[in-house]
Amino acid sequence: MPVKKILIVDDSPTDRQYLSEFLSKRGYQCVTADGGDEGIAKSKTELPDLILMDIVMPGTDGYKATRAIARDEVTKQIPIIMCTTRNQETDRIWGLRQGAKDYVMKPIDTNELLAKVAALG
């Protein structure tokens, strides 16, 4: 199923705005959440085709939010790509273990991100 609606979960207003504008210009409908709890809630109400999840956020971090979304019957089919500054191999492995499908480093290489989104479709 092609990706049309993307939920961007990031506590940085700058990163949310940048990704939202970049993806919207390429025809994707973007919805944003400013933290893990809101991301979990919006994953259920919006039912996006893809979630871009930051890891380091106050409150519920990206690992916990990914785990909650990946284990919920309503949202477990939604692919999650972690988008983070955490570049250790252990961070990547842990993110994938929580249920993420892929992992992208910040600053985000937009061509790499578009290729990963296209690969899901």
C-alpha atoms as a PDB file:
ATOM      1  CA  MET A   1       0.000   0.000   0.000  1.00  0.00           C
ATOM      2  CA  PRO A   2       1.543   3.321  -1.005  1.00  0.00           C
ATOM      3  CA  VAL A   3       2.350   5.797   1.738  1.00  0.00           C
ATOM      4  CA  LYS A   4       0.044   8.824   1.645  1.00  0.00           C
ATOM      5  CA  LYS A   5      -0.287  10.029   5.245  1.00  0.00           C
ATOM      6  CA  ILE A   6       2.776  10.410   7.483  1.00  0.00           C
ATOM      7  CA  LEU A   7       2.764  11.106  11.223  1.00  0.00           C
ATOM      8  CA  ILE A   8       5.875  13.034  12.314  1.00  0.00           C
ATOM      9  CA  VAL A   9       6.625  12.642  16.047  1.00  0.00           C
ATOM     10  CA  ASP A  10       9.373  14.991  17.249  1.00  0.00           C
ATOM     11  CA  ASP A  11       9.731  17.387  20.180  1.00  0.00           C
ATOM     12  CA  SER A  12      11.675  19.855  17.999  1.00  0.00           C
ATOM     13  CA  PRO A  13       9.320  22.357  16.305  1.00  0.00           C
ATOM     14  CA  THR A  14      12.072  23.028  13.741  1.00  0.00           C
ATOM     15  CA  ASP A  15      12.437  19.358  12.797  1.00  0.00           C
ATOM     16  CA  ARG A  16       8.648  18.859  12.648  1.00  0.00           C
ATOM     17  CA  GLN A  17       8.253  21.911  10.397  1.00  0.00           C
ATOM     18  CA  TYR A  18      11.155  20.947   8.138  1.00  0.00           C
ATOM     19  CA  LEU A  19       9.983  17.355   7.607  1.00  0.00           C
ATOM     20  CA  SER A  20       6.359  18.379   7.230  1.00  0.00           C
ATOM     21  CA  GLU A  21       7.164  20.996   4.568  1.00  0.00           C
ATOM     22  CA  PHE A  22       9.617  18.738   2.750  1.00  0.00           C
ATOM     23  CA  LEU A  23       7.202  15.781   2.596  1.00  0.00           C
ATOM     24  CA  SER A  24       4.098  17.893   1.877  1.00  0.00           C
ATOM     25  CA  LYS A  25       5.816  19.351  -1.200  1.00  0.00           C
ATOM     26  CA  ARG A  26       6.233  15.777  -2.424  1.00  0.00           C
ATOM     27  CA  GLY A  27       2.541  14.973  -2.127  1.00  0.00           C
ATOM     28  CA  TYR A  28       2.384  13.413   1.332  1.00  0.00           C
ATOM     29  CA  GLN A  29      -0.257  14.430   3.865  1.00  0.00           C
ATOM     30  CA  CYS A  30       1.566  15.190   7.116  1.00  0.00           C
ATOM     31  CA  VAL A  31       0.286  15.129  10.676  1.00  0.00           C
ATOM     32  CA  THR A  32       2.545  16.086  13.584  1.00  0.00           C
ATOM     33  CA  ALA A  33       2.885  15.264  17.265  1.00  0.00           C
ATOM     34  CA  ASP A  34       5.260  16.967  19.692  1.00  0.00           C
ATOM     35  CA  GLY A  35       5.992  13.947  21.878  1.00  0.00           C
ATOM     36  CA  GLY A  36       5.597  10.243  22.435  1.00  0.00           C
ATOM     37  CA  ASP A  37       2.235  10.369  24.197  1.00  0.00           C
ATOM     38  CA  GLU A  38       0.676  12.543  21.504  1.00  0.00           C
ATOM     39  CA  GLY A  39       2.288  10.328  18.860  1.00  0.00           C
ATOM     40  CA  ILE A  40       0.678   7.220  20.359  1.00  0.00           C
ATOM     41  CA  ALA A  41      -2.723   8.942  20.524  1.00  0.00           C
ATOM     42  CA  LYS A  42      -2.519  10.302  16.961  1.00  0.00           C
ATOM     43  CA  SER A  43      -1.383   6.938  15.612  1.00  0.00           C
ATOM     44  CA  LYS A  44      -4.792   5.606  16.729  1.00  0.00           C
ATOM     45  CA  THR A  45      -6.931   8.549  15.602  1.00  0.00           C
ATOM     46  CA  GLU A  46      -5.150   9.386  12.330  1.00  0.00           C
ATOM     47  CA  LEU A  47      -4.091   5.837  11.331  1.00  0.00           C
ATOM     48  CA  PRO A  48      -1.192   7.098   9.183  1.00  0.00           C
ATOM     49  CA  ASP A  49       0.543   4.951   6.552  1.00  0.00           C
ATOM     50  CA  LEU A  50       3.934   5.693   8.159  1.00  0.00           C
ATOM     51  CA  ILE A  51       5.324   7.192  11.367  1.00  0.00           C
ATOM     52  CA  LEU A  52       8.624   9.089  11.584  1.00  0.00           C
ATOM     53  CA  MET A  53       9.672   8.840  15.248  1.00  0.00           C
ATOM     54  CA  ASP A  54      12.321  10.834  17.098  1.00  0.00           C
ATOM     55  CA  ILE A  55      13.930   9.006  20.036  1.00  0.00           C
ATOM     56  CA  VAL A  56      15.077  11.686  22.475  1.00  0.00           C
ATOM     57  CA  MET A  57      11.928  13.437  23.736  1.00  0.00           C
ATOM     58  CA  PRO A  58      10.755  14.468  27.201  1.00  0.00           C
ATOM     59  CA  GLY A  59       8.183  12.196  28.834  1.00  0.00           C
ATOM     60  CA  THR A  60       7.510   9.148  26.676  1.00  0.00           C
ATOM     61  CA  ASP A  61      10.585   8.728  24.485  1.00  0.00           C
ATOM     62  CA  GLY A  62      10.588   7.318  20.968  1.00  0.00           C
ATOM     63  CA  TYR A  63      11.515   3.808  22.093  1.00  0.00           C
ATOM     64  CA  LYS A  64       8.525   3.565  24.447  1.00  0.00           C
ATOM     65  CA  ALA A  65       6.163   5.162  21.919  1.00  0.00           C
ATOM     66  CA  THR A  66       7.357   2.801  19.175  1.00  0.00           C
ATOM     67  CA  ARG A  67       6.890  -0.195  21.463  1.00  0.00           C
ATOM     68  CA  ALA A  68       3.350   0.931  22.390  1.00  0.00           C
ATOM     69  CA  ILE A  69       2.350   1.504  18.754  1.00  0.00           C
ATOM     70  CA  ALA A  70       3.950  -1.732  17.510  1.00  0.00           C
ATOM     71  CA  ARG A  71       2.146  -3.810  20.169  1.00  0.00           C
ATOM     72  CA  ASP A  72      -1.307  -2.237  19.846  1.00  0.00           C
ATOM     73  CA  GLU A  73      -3.767  -4.238  17.722  1.00  0.00           C
ATOM     74  CA  VAL A  74      -5.099  -1.036  16.124  1.00  0.00           C
ATOM     75  CA  THR A  75      -1.700   0.378  15.091  1.00  0.00           C
ATOM     76  CA  LYS A  76       0.759  -2.525  14.872  1.00  0.00           C
ATOM     77  CA  GLN A  77       0.606  -2.631  11.050  1.00  0.00           C
ATOM     78  CA  ILE A  78       1.858   0.990  10.739  1.00  0.00           C
ATOM     79  CA  PRO A  79       5.570   1.050   9.815  1.00  0.00           C
ATOM     80  CA  ILE A  80       7.803   3.264  11.944  1.00  0.00           C
ATOM     81  CA  ILE A  81      11.083   4.838  10.851  1.00  0.00           C
ATOM     82  CA  MET A  82      13.158   6.216  13.713  1.00  0.00           C
ATOM     83  CA  CYS A  83      14.716   9.611  12.898  1.00  0.00           C
ATOM     84  CA  THR A  84      17.332  10.507  15.472  1.00  0.00           C
ATOM     85  CA  THR A  85      20.719  11.952  16.341  1.00  0.00           C
ATOM     86  CA  ARG A  86      21.578   8.766  18.255  1.00  0.00           C
ATOM     87  CA  ASN A  87      24.081   7.095  15.977  1.00  0.00           C
ATOM     88  CA  GLN A  88      25.323   4.121  17.971  1.00  0.00           C
ATOM     89  CA  GLU A  89      24.670   0.668  16.544  1.00  0.00           C
ATOM     90  CA  THR A  90      23.100  -0.319  19.882  1.00  0.00           C
ATOM     91  CA  ASP A  91      20.560   2.526  19.518  1.00  0.00           C
ATOM     92  CA  ARG A  92      19.624   1.299  16.043  1.00  0.00           C
ATOM     93  CA  ILE A  93      19.284  -2.308  17.160  1.00  0.00           C
ATOM     94  CA  TRP A  94      17.213  -1.302  20.200  1.00  0.00           C
ATOM     95  CA  GLY A  95      14.915   0.828  18.008  1.00  0.00           C
ATOM     96  CA  LEU A  96      14.362  -2.073  15.626  1.00  0.00           C
ATOM     97  CA  ARG A  97      13.694  -4.386  18.569  1.00  0.00           C
ATOM     98  CA  GLN A  98      10.960  -2.034  19.771  1.00  0.00           C
ATOM     99  CA  GLY A  99       9.172  -2.466  16.453  1.00  0.00           C
ATOM    100  CA  ALA A 100      10.688   0.134  14.114  1.00  0.00           C
ATOM    101  CA  LYS A 101      11.098  -0.934  10.480  1.00  0.00           C
ATOM    102  CA  ASP A 102      14.029   1.359   9.734  1.00  0.00           C
ATOM    103  CA  TYR A 103      16.368   3.961  11.196  1.00  0.00           C
ATOM    104  CA  VAL A 104      17.535   7.316   9.759  1.00  0.00           C
ATOM    105  CA  MET A 105      20.176   9.607  11.233  1.00  0.00           C
ATOM    106  CA  LYS A 106      19.768  13.369  11.770  1.00  0.00           C
ATOM    107  CA  PRO A 107      20.548  15.608  10.053  1.00  0.00           C
ATOM    108  CA  ILE A 108      18.268  13.695   7.723  1.00  0.00           C
ATOM    109  CA  ASP A 109      19.497  12.919   4.228  1.00  0.00           C
ATOM    110  CA  THR A 110      16.261  13.702   2.377  1.00  0.00           C
ATOM    111  CA  ASN A 111      17.109  11.436  -0.574  1.00  0.00           C
ATOM    112  CA  GLU A 112      17.719   8.543   1.806  1.00  0.00           C
ATOM    113  CA  LEU A 113      14.435   9.244   3.616  1.00  0.00           C
ATOM    114  CA  LEU A 114      12.442   9.413   0.348  1.00  0.00           C
ATOM    115  CA  ALA A 115      14.003   6.110  -0.764  1.00  0.00           C
ATOM    116  CA  LYS A 116      13.020   4.444   2.524  1.00  0.00           C
ATOM    117  CA  VAL A 117       9.463   5.832   2.318  1.00  0.00           C
ATOM    118  CA  ALA A 118       9.162   4.685  -1.319  1.00  0.00           C
ATOM    119  CA  ALA A 119      10.436   1.219  -0.368  1.00  0.00           C
ATOM    120  CA  LEU A 120       7.517   0.854   2.048  1.00  0.00           C
ATOM    121  CA  GLY A 121       4.944   1.583  -0.665  1.00  0.00           C
END
